PDB file of all heavy atoms in Angstrom:
ATOM      1  N   THR A   1       0.694  -5.291  -5.164  1.00  0.00           N
ATOM      2  CA  THR A   1       0.462  -4.010  -5.789  1.00  0.00           C
ATOM      3  C   THR A   1      -1.055  -3.957  -6.235  1.00  0.00           C
ATOM      4  O   THR A   1      -1.488  -4.754  -7.052  1.00  0.00           O
ATOM      5  CB  THR A   1       1.315  -3.848  -7.151  1.00  0.00           C
ATOM      6  OG1 THR A   1       2.668  -4.007  -6.726  1.00  0.00           O
ATOM      7  CG2 THR A   1       1.161  -2.529  -7.814  1.00  0.00           C
ATOM      8  N   LEU A   2      -1.792  -2.962  -5.628  1.00  0.00           N
ATOM      9  CA  LEU A   2      -3.161  -2.788  -5.856  1.00  0.00           C
ATOM     10  C   LEU A   2      -3.417  -1.807  -7.028  1.00  0.00           C
ATOM     11  O   LEU A   2      -2.806  -0.626  -6.899  1.00  0.00           O
ATOM     12  CB  LEU A   2      -3.970  -2.337  -4.735  1.00  0.00           C
ATOM     13  CG  LEU A   2      -3.868  -3.310  -3.372  1.00  0.00           C
ATOM     14  CD1 LEU A   2      -4.631  -2.850  -2.162  1.00  0.00           C
ATOM     15  CD2 LEU A   2      -4.389  -4.726  -3.763  1.00  0.00           C
ATOM     16  N   PRO A   3      -4.092  -2.122  -8.029  1.00  0.00           N
ATOM     17  CA  PRO A   3      -4.288  -1.151  -9.168  1.00  0.00           C
ATOM     18  C   PRO A   3      -5.141   0.003  -8.785  1.00  0.00           C
ATOM     19  O   PRO A   3      -6.077  -0.079  -8.045  1.00  0.00           O
ATOM     20  CB  PRO A   3      -4.907  -2.051 -10.211  1.00  0.00           C
ATOM     21  CG  PRO A   3      -5.628  -3.114  -9.465  1.00  0.00           C
ATOM     22  CD  PRO A   3      -4.856  -3.356  -8.253  1.00  0.00           C
ATOM     23  N   ALA A   4      -4.952   1.156  -9.551  1.00  0.00           N
ATOM     24  CA  ALA A   4      -5.710   2.283  -9.308  1.00  0.00           C
ATOM     25  C   ALA A   4      -7.187   2.133  -9.746  1.00  0.00           C
ATOM     26  O   ALA A   4      -8.029   2.904  -9.295  1.00  0.00           O
ATOM     27  CB  ALA A   4      -5.107   3.466 -10.183  1.00  0.00           C
ATOM     28  N   SER A   5      -7.431   1.067 -10.552  1.00  0.00           N
ATOM     29  CA  SER A   5      -8.833   0.874 -10.973  1.00  0.00           C
ATOM     30  C   SER A   5      -9.744   0.173  -9.833  1.00  0.00           C
ATOM     31  O   SER A   5     -10.874   0.133  -9.901  1.00  0.00           O
ATOM     32  CB  SER A   5      -8.771  -0.130 -12.196  1.00  0.00           C
ATOM     33  OG  SER A   5      -8.078  -1.252 -11.853  1.00  0.00           O
ATOM     34  N   LEU A   6      -9.091  -0.274  -8.774  1.00  0.00           N
ATOM     35  CA  LEU A   6      -9.815  -1.031  -7.743  1.00  0.00           C
ATOM     36  C   LEU A   6     -10.874  -0.209  -7.036  1.00  0.00           C
ATOM     37  O   LEU A   6     -10.551   0.922  -6.653  1.00  0.00           O
ATOM     38  CB  LEU A   6      -8.744  -1.610  -6.769  1.00  0.00           C
ATOM     39  CG  LEU A   6      -9.162  -2.751  -5.914  1.00  0.00           C
ATOM     40  CD1 LEU A   6      -9.384  -3.987  -6.721  1.00  0.00           C
ATOM     41  CD2 LEU A   6      -8.164  -3.086  -4.825  1.00  0.00           C
ATOM     42  N   THR A   7     -12.037  -0.767  -6.846  1.00  0.00           N
ATOM     43  CA  THR A   7     -13.073  -0.030  -6.229  1.00  0.00           C
ATOM     44  C   THR A   7     -13.491  -0.682  -4.803  1.00  0.00           C
ATOM     45  O   THR A   7     -14.079  -0.077  -3.968  1.00  0.00           O
ATOM     46  CB  THR A   7     -14.340   0.144  -7.079  1.00  0.00           C
ATOM     47  OG1 THR A   7     -14.876  -1.090  -7.481  1.00  0.00           O
ATOM     48  CG2 THR A   7     -14.051   0.925  -8.351  1.00  0.00           C
ATOM     49  N   SER A   8     -13.192  -2.085  -4.692  1.00  0.00           N
ATOM     50  CA  SER A   8     -13.618  -2.653  -3.432  1.00  0.00           C
ATOM     51  C   SER A   8     -12.695  -3.904  -3.180  1.00  0.00           C
ATOM     52  O   SER A   8     -12.131  -4.426  -4.058  1.00  0.00           O
ATOM     53  CB  SER A   8     -15.009  -3.257  -3.577  1.00  0.00           C
ATOM     54  OG  SER A   8     -15.213  -4.195  -4.538  1.00  0.00           O
ATOM     55  N   ILE A   9     -12.516  -4.110  -1.852  1.00  0.00           N
ATOM     56  CA  ILE A   9     -11.793  -5.262  -1.416  1.00  0.00           C
ATOM     57  C   ILE A   9     -12.654  -6.119  -0.403  1.00  0.00           C
ATOM     58  O   ILE A   9     -13.442  -5.576   0.414  1.00  0.00           O
ATOM     59  CB  ILE A   9     -10.594  -4.750  -0.512  1.00  0.00           C
ATOM     60  CG1 ILE A   9      -9.678  -3.848  -1.409  1.00  0.00           C
ATOM     61  CG2 ILE A   9      -9.784  -5.917   0.131  1.00  0.00           C
ATOM     62  CD1 ILE A   9      -8.531  -3.239  -0.619  1.00  0.00           C
ATOM     63  N   GLY A  10     -12.744  -7.409  -0.777  1.00  0.00           N
ATOM     64  CA  GLY A  10     -13.670  -8.263  -0.094  1.00  0.00           C
ATOM     65  C   GLY A  10     -13.322  -8.658   1.330  1.00  0.00           C
ATOM     66  O   GLY A  10     -12.283  -8.213   1.922  1.00  0.00           O
ATOM     67  N   SER A  11     -14.154  -9.392   1.963  1.00  0.00           N
ATOM     68  CA  SER A  11     -14.029  -9.968   3.349  1.00  0.00           C
ATOM     69  C   SER A  11     -12.886 -10.858   3.346  1.00  0.00           C
ATOM     70  O   SER A  11     -12.699 -11.730   2.531  1.00  0.00           O
ATOM     71  CB  SER A  11     -15.246 -10.527   3.924  1.00  0.00           C
ATOM     72  OG  SER A  11     -16.354  -9.677   3.950  1.00  0.00           O
ATOM     73  N   LYS A  12     -11.908 -10.758   4.442  1.00  0.00           N
ATOM     74  CA  LYS A  12     -10.906 -11.690   4.673  1.00  0.00           C
ATOM     75  C   LYS A  12      -9.897 -11.742   3.567  1.00  0.00           C
ATOM     76  O   LYS A  12      -9.275 -12.889   3.294  1.00  0.00           O
ATOM     77  CB  LYS A  12     -11.435 -13.055   5.088  1.00  0.00           C
ATOM     78  CG  LYS A  12     -12.231 -13.042   6.394  1.00  0.00           C
ATOM     79  CD  LYS A  12     -12.600 -14.478   6.930  1.00  0.00           C
ATOM     80  CE  LYS A  12     -13.335 -14.320   8.196  1.00  0.00           C
ATOM     81  NZ  LYS A  12     -13.728 -15.744   8.779  1.00  0.00           N
ATOM     82  N   THR A  13      -9.887 -10.915   2.678  1.00  0.00           N
ATOM     83  CA  THR A  13      -8.995 -10.888   1.476  1.00  0.00           C
ATOM     84  C   THR A  13      -7.548 -11.227   1.697  1.00  0.00           C
ATOM     85  O   THR A  13      -6.933 -12.042   1.131  1.00  0.00           O
ATOM     86  CB  THR A  13      -9.175  -9.527   0.527  1.00  0.00           C
ATOM     87  OG1 THR A  13     -10.505  -9.443   0.189  1.00  0.00           O
ATOM     88  CG2 THR A  13      -8.380  -9.685  -0.660  1.00  0.00           C
ATOM     89  N   PHE A  14      -7.046 -10.417   2.808  1.00  0.00           N
ATOM     90  CA  PHE A  14      -5.650 -10.636   3.142  1.00  0.00           C
ATOM     91  C   PHE A  14      -5.467 -11.132   4.598  1.00  0.00           C
ATOM     92  O   PHE A  14      -4.567 -11.009   5.210  1.00  0.00           O
ATOM     93  CB  PHE A  14      -4.920  -9.310   2.962  1.00  0.00           C
ATOM     94  CG  PHE A  14      -4.781  -8.820   1.581  1.00  0.00           C
ATOM     95  CD1 PHE A  14      -5.651  -7.752   1.192  1.00  0.00           C
ATOM     96  CD2 PHE A  14      -3.976  -9.315   0.753  1.00  0.00           C
ATOM     97  CE1 PHE A  14      -5.633  -7.259  -0.019  1.00  0.00           C
ATOM     98  CE2 PHE A  14      -3.822  -8.813  -0.616  1.00  0.00           C
ATOM     99  CZ  PHE A  14      -4.709  -7.804  -0.985  1.00  0.00           C
ATOM    100  N   TYR A  15      -6.596 -11.762   5.073  1.00  0.00           N
ATOM    101  CA  TYR A  15      -6.502 -12.485   6.435  1.00  0.00           C
ATOM    102  C   TYR A  15      -5.263 -13.330   6.570  1.00  0.00           C
ATOM    103  O   TYR A  15      -5.041 -14.273   5.828  1.00  0.00           O
ATOM    104  CB  TYR A  15      -7.818 -13.218   6.665  1.00  0.00           C
ATOM    105  CG  TYR A  15      -8.019 -13.859   8.017  1.00  0.00           C
ATOM    106  CD1 TYR A  15      -8.776 -13.310   8.977  1.00  0.00           C
ATOM    107  CD2 TYR A  15      -7.272 -15.043   8.378  1.00  0.00           C
ATOM    108  CE1 TYR A  15      -8.996 -13.881  10.220  1.00  0.00           C
ATOM    109  CE2 TYR A  15      -7.433 -15.597   9.579  1.00  0.00           C
ATOM    110  CZ  TYR A  15      -8.241 -14.972  10.453  1.00  0.00           C
ATOM    111  OH  TYR A  15      -8.376 -15.665  11.752  1.00  0.00           O
ATOM    112  N   GLY A  16      -4.651 -13.110   7.646  1.00  0.00           N
ATOM    113  CA  GLY A  16      -3.465 -14.066   8.041  1.00  0.00           C
ATOM    114  C   GLY A  16      -2.185 -13.887   7.133  1.00  0.00           C
ATOM    115  O   GLY A  16      -1.436 -14.787   7.097  1.00  0.00           O
ATOM    116  N   CYS A  17      -2.131 -12.737   6.435  1.00  0.00           N
ATOM    117  CA  CYS A  17      -0.904 -12.408   5.756  1.00  0.00           C
ATOM    118  C   CYS A  17       0.166 -11.859   6.583  1.00  0.00           C
ATOM    119  O   CYS A  17       0.319 -10.678   6.709  1.00  0.00           O
ATOM    120  CB  CYS A  17      -1.229 -11.509   4.515  1.00  0.00           C
ATOM    121  SG  CYS A  17      -2.134 -12.330   3.235  1.00  0.00           S
ATOM    122  N   TYR A  18       0.843 -12.707   7.442  1.00  0.00           N
ATOM    123  CA  TYR A  18       1.678 -12.268   8.468  1.00  0.00           C
ATOM    124  C   TYR A  18       2.791 -11.358   8.092  1.00  0.00           C
ATOM    125  O   TYR A  18       3.196 -10.439   8.903  1.00  0.00           O
ATOM    126  CB  TYR A  18       2.286 -13.491   9.070  1.00  0.00           C
ATOM    127  CG  TYR A  18       1.366 -14.442   9.769  1.00  0.00           C
ATOM    128  CD1 TYR A  18       1.628 -15.875   9.660  1.00  0.00           C
ATOM    129  CD2 TYR A  18       0.112 -14.121  10.262  1.00  0.00           C
ATOM    130  CE1 TYR A  18       0.691 -16.765  10.215  1.00  0.00           C
ATOM    131  CE2 TYR A  18      -0.768 -15.017  10.791  1.00  0.00           C
ATOM    132  CZ  TYR A  18      -0.466 -16.389  10.667  1.00  0.00           C
ATOM    133  OH  TYR A  18      -1.408 -17.409  11.185  1.00  0.00           O
ATOM    134  N   GLN A  19       3.348 -11.554   6.854  1.00  0.00           N
ATOM    135  CA  GLN A  19       4.580 -10.786   6.493  1.00  0.00           C
ATOM    136  C   GLN A  19       4.168  -9.543   5.711  1.00  0.00           C
ATOM    137  O   GLN A  19       5.159  -8.701   5.388  1.00  0.00           O
ATOM    138  CB  GLN A  19       5.389 -11.728   5.508  1.00  0.00           C
ATOM    139  CG  GLN A  19       5.899 -12.937   6.275  1.00  0.00           C
ATOM    140  CD  GLN A  19       6.636 -12.742   7.447  1.00  0.00           C
ATOM    141  OE1 GLN A  19       7.463 -11.815   7.501  1.00  0.00           O
ATOM    142  NE2 GLN A  19       6.387 -13.583   8.462  1.00  0.00           N
ATOM    143  N   LEU A  20       3.053  -9.306   5.432  1.00  0.00           N
ATOM    144  CA  LEU A  20       2.605  -7.984   4.710  1.00  0.00           C
ATOM    145  C   LEU A  20       2.901  -6.851   5.675  1.00  0.00           C
ATOM    146  O   LEU A  20       2.317  -6.759   6.858  1.00  0.00           O
ATOM    147  CB  LEU A  20       1.110  -8.151   4.332  1.00  0.00           C
ATOM    148  CG  LEU A  20       0.689  -7.061   3.372  1.00  0.00           C
ATOM    149  CD1 LEU A  20       1.291  -7.230   2.029  1.00  0.00           C
ATOM    150  CD2 LEU A  20      -0.981  -7.280   3.181  1.00  0.00           C
ATOM    151  N   ASP A  21       3.687  -5.904   5.280  1.00  0.00           N
ATOM    152  CA  ASP A  21       4.068  -4.815   6.234  1.00  0.00           C
ATOM    153  C   ASP A  21       3.390  -3.458   5.838  1.00  0.00           C
ATOM    154  O   ASP A  21       3.412  -2.525   6.746  1.00  0.00           O
ATOM    155  CB  ASP A  21       5.525  -4.585   6.387  1.00  0.00           C
ATOM    156  CG  ASP A  21       6.264  -4.427   4.996  1.00  0.00           C
ATOM    157  OD1 ASP A  21       5.613  -4.110   4.066  1.00  0.00           O
ATOM    158  OD2 ASP A  21       7.522  -4.359   5.014  1.00  0.00           O
ATOM    159  N   SER A  22       3.027  -3.204   4.598  1.00  0.00           N
ATOM    160  CA  SER A  22       2.331  -1.955   4.166  1.00  0.00           C
ATOM    161  C   SER A  22       1.456  -2.186   2.984  1.00  0.00           C
ATOM    162  O   SER A  22       1.745  -3.010   2.230  1.00  0.00           O
ATOM    163  CB  SER A  22       3.413  -0.940   3.974  1.00  0.00           C
ATOM    164  OG  SER A  22       4.189  -1.234   2.697  1.00  0.00           O
ATOM    165  N   VAL A  23       0.559  -1.275   2.970  1.00  0.00           N
ATOM    166  CA  VAL A  23      -0.473  -1.363   1.923  1.00  0.00           C
ATOM    167  C   VAL A  23      -1.043   0.047   1.580  1.00  0.00           C
ATOM    168  O   VAL A  23      -1.311   0.849   2.436  1.00  0.00           O
ATOM    169  CB  VAL A  23      -1.762  -2.251   2.239  1.00  0.00           C
ATOM    170  CG1 VAL A  23      -2.880  -2.175   1.153  1.00  0.00           C
ATOM    171  CG2 VAL A  23      -1.414  -3.724   2.541  1.00  0.00           C
ATOM    172  N   VAL A  24      -1.047   0.259   0.266  1.00  0.00           N
ATOM    173  CA  VAL A  24      -1.627   1.530  -0.207  1.00  0.00           C
ATOM    174  C   VAL A  24      -2.982   1.243  -0.834  1.00  0.00           C
ATOM    175  O   VAL A  24      -2.920   0.587  -1.865  1.00  0.00           O
ATOM    176  CB  VAL A  24      -0.721   2.333  -1.172  1.00  0.00           C
ATOM    177  CG1 VAL A  24      -1.332   3.520  -1.640  1.00  0.00           C
ATOM    178  CG2 VAL A  24       0.645   2.674  -0.431  1.00  0.00           C
ATOM    179  N   ILE A  25      -4.075   1.765  -0.282  1.00  0.00           N
ATOM    180  CA  ILE A  25      -5.364   1.488  -0.853  1.00  0.00           C
ATOM    181  C   ILE A  25      -5.606   2.533  -1.887  1.00  0.00           C
ATOM    182  O   ILE A  25      -5.599   3.761  -1.593  1.00  0.00           O
ATOM    183  CB  ILE A  25      -6.502   1.563   0.271  1.00  0.00           C
ATOM    184  CG1 ILE A  25      -6.143   0.638   1.447  1.00  0.00           C
ATOM    185  CG2 ILE A  25      -7.849   1.226  -0.370  1.00  0.00           C
ATOM    186  CD1 ILE A  25      -6.082  -0.697   1.209  1.00  0.00           C
ATOM    187  N   PRO A  26      -5.889   2.091  -3.163  1.00  0.00           N
ATOM    188  CA  PRO A  26      -6.085   3.075  -4.252  1.00  0.00           C
ATOM    189  C   PRO A  26      -7.184   4.029  -4.030  1.00  0.00           C
ATOM    190  O   PRO A  26      -8.196   3.836  -3.296  1.00  0.00           O
ATOM    191  CB  PRO A  26      -6.381   2.121  -5.488  1.00  0.00           C
ATOM    192  CG  PRO A  26      -5.685   0.863  -5.101  1.00  0.00           C
ATOM    193  CD  PRO A  26      -5.987   0.705  -3.629  1.00  0.00           C
ATOM    194  N   SER A  27      -7.169   5.144  -4.798  1.00  0.00           N
ATOM    195  CA  SER A  27      -8.044   6.227  -4.507  1.00  0.00           C
ATOM    196  C   SER A  27      -9.493   6.115  -4.917  1.00  0.00           C
ATOM    197  O   SER A  27     -10.379   6.841  -4.541  1.00  0.00           O
ATOM    198  CB  SER A  27      -7.505   7.461  -5.404  1.00  0.00           C
ATOM    199  OG  SER A  27      -7.580   7.226  -6.735  1.00  0.00           O
ATOM    200  N   LYS A  28      -9.849   4.986  -5.666  1.00  0.00           N
ATOM    201  CA  LYS A  28     -11.199   4.782  -6.005  1.00  0.00           C
ATOM    202  C   LYS A  28     -11.905   3.724  -5.241  1.00  0.00           C
ATOM    203  O   LYS A  28     -13.125   3.459  -5.297  1.00  0.00           O
ATOM    204  CB  LYS A  28     -11.192   4.274  -7.529  1.00  0.00           C
ATOM    205  CG  LYS A  28     -10.853   5.313  -8.595  1.00  0.00           C
ATOM    206  CD  LYS A  28     -11.012   4.765  -9.958  1.00  0.00           C
ATOM    207  CE  LYS A  28     -10.644   5.693 -10.931  1.00  0.00           C
ATOM    208  NZ  LYS A  28     -10.660   5.142 -12.417  1.00  0.00           N
ATOM    209  N   VAL A  29     -11.146   3.118  -4.171  1.00  0.00           N
ATOM    210  CA  VAL A  29     -11.794   2.103  -3.373  1.00  0.00           C
ATOM    211  C   VAL A  29     -12.821   2.735  -2.478  1.00  0.00           C
ATOM    212  O   VAL A  29     -12.556   3.864  -1.751  1.00  0.00           O
ATOM    213  CB  VAL A  29     -10.697   1.482  -2.478  1.00  0.00           C
ATOM    214  CG1 VAL A  29     -11.300   0.505  -1.427  1.00  0.00           C
ATOM    215  CG2 VAL A  29      -9.856   0.524  -3.448  1.00  0.00           C
ATOM    216  N   THR A  30     -14.113   2.177  -2.369  1.00  0.00           N
ATOM    217  CA  THR A  30     -15.101   2.721  -1.524  1.00  0.00           C
ATOM    218  C   THR A  30     -15.470   1.842  -0.336  1.00  0.00           C
ATOM    219  O   THR A  30     -16.049   2.318   0.583  1.00  0.00           O
ATOM    220  CB  THR A  30     -16.323   3.030  -2.336  1.00  0.00           C
ATOM    221  OG1 THR A  30     -16.870   1.814  -2.969  1.00  0.00           O
ATOM    222  CG2 THR A  30     -16.118   4.086  -3.516  1.00  0.00           C
ATOM    223  N   SER A  31     -15.056   0.532  -0.454  1.00  0.00           N
ATOM    224  CA  SER A  31     -15.372  -0.336   0.673  1.00  0.00           C
ATOM    225  C   SER A  31     -14.323  -1.407   0.873  1.00  0.00           C
ATOM    226  O   SER A  31     -13.763  -1.872  -0.154  1.00  0.00           O
ATOM    227  CB  SER A  31     -16.831  -1.040   0.333  1.00  0.00           C
ATOM    228  OG  SER A  31     -16.750  -1.932  -0.880  1.00  0.00           O
ATOM    229  N   ILE A  32     -14.274  -1.746   2.081  1.00  0.00           N
ATOM    230  CA  ILE A  32     -13.287  -2.831   2.520  1.00  0.00           C
ATOM    231  C   ILE A  32     -14.053  -3.762   3.421  1.00  0.00           C
ATOM    232  O   ILE A  32     -14.664  -3.285   4.379  1.00  0.00           O
ATOM    233  CB  ILE A  32     -12.021  -2.281   3.236  1.00  0.00           C
ATOM    234  CG1 ILE A  32     -11.228  -1.372   2.338  1.00  0.00           C
ATOM    235  CG2 ILE A  32     -11.130  -3.399   3.749  1.00  0.00           C
ATOM    236  CD1 ILE A  32     -10.058  -0.603   3.101  1.00  0.00           C
ATOM    237  N   GLY A  33     -14.045  -5.143   3.130  1.00  0.00           N
ATOM    238  CA  GLY A  33     -14.934  -5.984   3.802  1.00  0.00           C
ATOM    239  C   GLY A  33     -14.383  -6.346   5.138  1.00  0.00           C
ATOM    240  O   GLY A  33     -13.319  -5.972   5.563  1.00  0.00           O
ATOM    241  N   ASN A  34     -15.264  -7.108   5.941  1.00  0.00           N
ATOM    242  CA  ASN A  34     -15.012  -7.586   7.275  1.00  0.00           C
ATOM    243  C   ASN A  34     -13.500  -8.297   7.235  1.00  0.00           C
ATOM    244  O   ASN A  34     -13.320  -9.217   6.406  1.00  0.00           O
ATOM    245  CB  ASN A  34     -15.931  -8.482   7.871  1.00  0.00           C
ATOM    246  CG  ASN A  34     -17.298  -7.666   8.020  1.00  0.00           C
ATOM    247  OD1 ASN A  34     -17.243  -6.439   8.246  1.00  0.00           O
ATOM    248  ND2 ASN A  34     -18.377  -8.336   8.112  1.00  0.00           N
ATOM    249  N   SER A  35     -12.716  -8.098   8.260  1.00  0.00           N
ATOM    250  CA  SER A  35     -11.556  -8.914   8.550  1.00  0.00           C
ATOM    251  C   SER A  35     -10.613  -8.917   7.299  1.00  0.00           C
ATOM    252  O   SER A  35      -9.863  -9.789   7.204  1.00  0.00           O
ATOM    253  CB  SER A  35     -11.947 -10.286   8.965  1.00  0.00           C
ATOM    254  OG  SER A  35     -12.789 -10.445  10.051  1.00  0.00           O
ATOM    255  N   ALA A  36     -10.709  -7.943   6.442  1.00  0.00           N
ATOM    256  CA  ALA A  36      -9.882  -7.889   5.303  1.00  0.00           C
ATOM    257  C   ALA A  36      -8.361  -7.968   5.588  1.00  0.00           C
ATOM    258  O   ALA A  36      -7.590  -8.557   4.788  1.00  0.00           O
ATOM    259  CB  ALA A  36     -10.135  -6.654   4.461  1.00  0.00           C
ATOM    260  N   PHE A  37      -7.885  -7.320   6.728  1.00  0.00           N
ATOM    261  CA  PHE A  37      -6.528  -7.412   7.126  1.00  0.00           C
ATOM    262  C   PHE A  37      -6.301  -7.956   8.512  1.00  0.00           C
ATOM    263  O   PHE A  37      -5.350  -7.743   9.181  1.00  0.00           O
ATOM    264  CB  PHE A  37      -5.921  -6.019   7.018  1.00  0.00           C
ATOM    265  CG  PHE A  37      -5.916  -5.488   5.590  1.00  0.00           C
ATOM    266  CD1 PHE A  37      -6.851  -4.494   5.183  1.00  0.00           C
ATOM    267  CD2 PHE A  37      -4.906  -5.817   4.722  1.00  0.00           C
ATOM    268  CE1 PHE A  37      -6.879  -4.047   3.889  1.00  0.00           C
ATOM    269  CE2 PHE A  37      -4.943  -5.314   3.430  1.00  0.00           C
ATOM    270  CZ  PHE A  37      -5.954  -4.376   2.990  1.00  0.00           C
ATOM    271  N   GLU A  38      -7.280  -8.783   9.012  1.00  0.00           N
ATOM    272  CA  GLU A  38      -7.110  -9.503  10.303  1.00  0.00           C
ATOM    273  C   GLU A  38      -5.931 -10.331  10.303  1.00  0.00           C
ATOM    274  O   GLU A  38      -5.663 -11.038   9.430  1.00  0.00           O
ATOM    275  CB  GLU A  38      -8.375 -10.105  10.689  1.00  0.00           C
ATOM    276  CG  GLU A  38      -8.384 -10.656  12.148  1.00  0.00           C
ATOM    277  CD  GLU A  38      -9.799 -11.298  12.482  1.00  0.00           C
ATOM    278  OE1 GLU A  38     -10.735 -11.276  11.677  1.00  0.00           O
ATOM    279  OE2 GLU A  38      -9.774 -11.934  13.543  1.00  0.00           O
ATOM    280  N   ASN A  39      -5.150 -10.305  11.517  1.00  0.00           N
ATOM    281  CA  ASN A  39      -4.076 -11.231  11.685  1.00  0.00           C
ATOM    282  C   ASN A  39      -2.935 -10.843  10.725  1.00  0.00           C
ATOM    283  O   ASN A  39      -2.102 -11.881  10.518  1.00  0.00           O
ATOM    284  CB  ASN A  39      -4.521 -12.762  11.636  1.00  0.00           C
ATOM    285  CG  ASN A  39      -5.251 -13.138  12.891  1.00  0.00           C
ATOM    286  OD1 ASN A  39      -5.202 -12.532  13.958  1.00  0.00           O
ATOM    287  ND2 ASN A  39      -5.928 -14.352  12.773  1.00  0.00           N
ATOM    288  N   CYS A  40      -2.871  -9.644  10.280  1.00  0.00           N
ATOM    289  CA  CYS A  40      -1.687  -9.299   9.572  1.00  0.00           C
ATOM    290  C   CYS A  40      -0.774  -8.711  10.620  1.00  0.00           C
ATOM    291  O   CYS A  40      -0.754  -7.387  10.632  1.00  0.00           O
ATOM    292  CB  CYS A  40      -2.082  -8.243   8.376  1.00  0.00           C
ATOM    293  SG  CYS A  40      -3.034  -9.090   7.149  1.00  0.00           S
ATOM    294  N   SER A  41      -0.147  -9.509  11.295  1.00  0.00           N
ATOM    295  CA  SER A  41       0.626  -9.033  12.459  1.00  0.00           C
ATOM    296  C   SER A  41       1.766  -8.116  12.253  1.00  0.00           C
ATOM    297  O   SER A  41       2.225  -7.304  13.203  1.00  0.00           O
ATOM    298  CB  SER A  41       1.160 -10.233  13.291  1.00  0.00           C
ATOM    299  OG  SER A  41       1.883 -11.053  12.501  1.00  0.00           O
ATOM    300  N   ASN A  42       2.380  -8.124  10.999  1.00  0.00           N
ATOM    301  CA  ASN A  42       3.489  -7.062  10.673  1.00  0.00           C
ATOM    302  C   ASN A  42       3.047  -5.917  10.010  1.00  0.00           C
ATOM    303  O   ASN A  42       3.883  -5.188   9.592  1.00  0.00           O
ATOM    304  CB  ASN A  42       4.476  -7.936   9.912  1.00  0.00           C
ATOM    305  CG  ASN A  42       5.414  -8.800  10.823  1.00  0.00           C
ATOM    306  OD1 ASN A  42       5.686  -8.476  11.939  1.00  0.00           O
ATOM    307  ND2 ASN A  42       5.806  -9.906  10.173  1.00  0.00           N
ATOM    308  N   LEU A  43       1.685  -5.797   9.754  1.00  0.00           N
ATOM    309  CA  LEU A  43       1.304  -4.551   8.966  1.00  0.00           C
ATOM    310  C   LEU A  43       1.397  -3.333   9.888  1.00  0.00           C
ATOM    311  O   LEU A  43       0.740  -3.290  10.912  1.00  0.00           O
ATOM    312  CB  LEU A  43      -0.205  -4.829   8.636  1.00  0.00           C
ATOM    313  CG  LEU A  43      -0.833  -3.836   7.580  1.00  0.00           C
ATOM    314  CD1 LEU A  43      -0.048  -3.798   6.340  1.00  0.00           C
ATOM    315  CD2 LEU A  43      -2.288  -4.087   7.365  1.00  0.00           C
TER     316      LEU A  43
END
């Protein structure tokens, strides 16, 4: 659960989270780093 206050997500934050199937990025986020969701094969 990502909070509404979130403004940025770093590099490789969720790298290799194989079972993660859905993500809602909050409305204040302005940047997502490199490979943040790489190898999330079920996303």
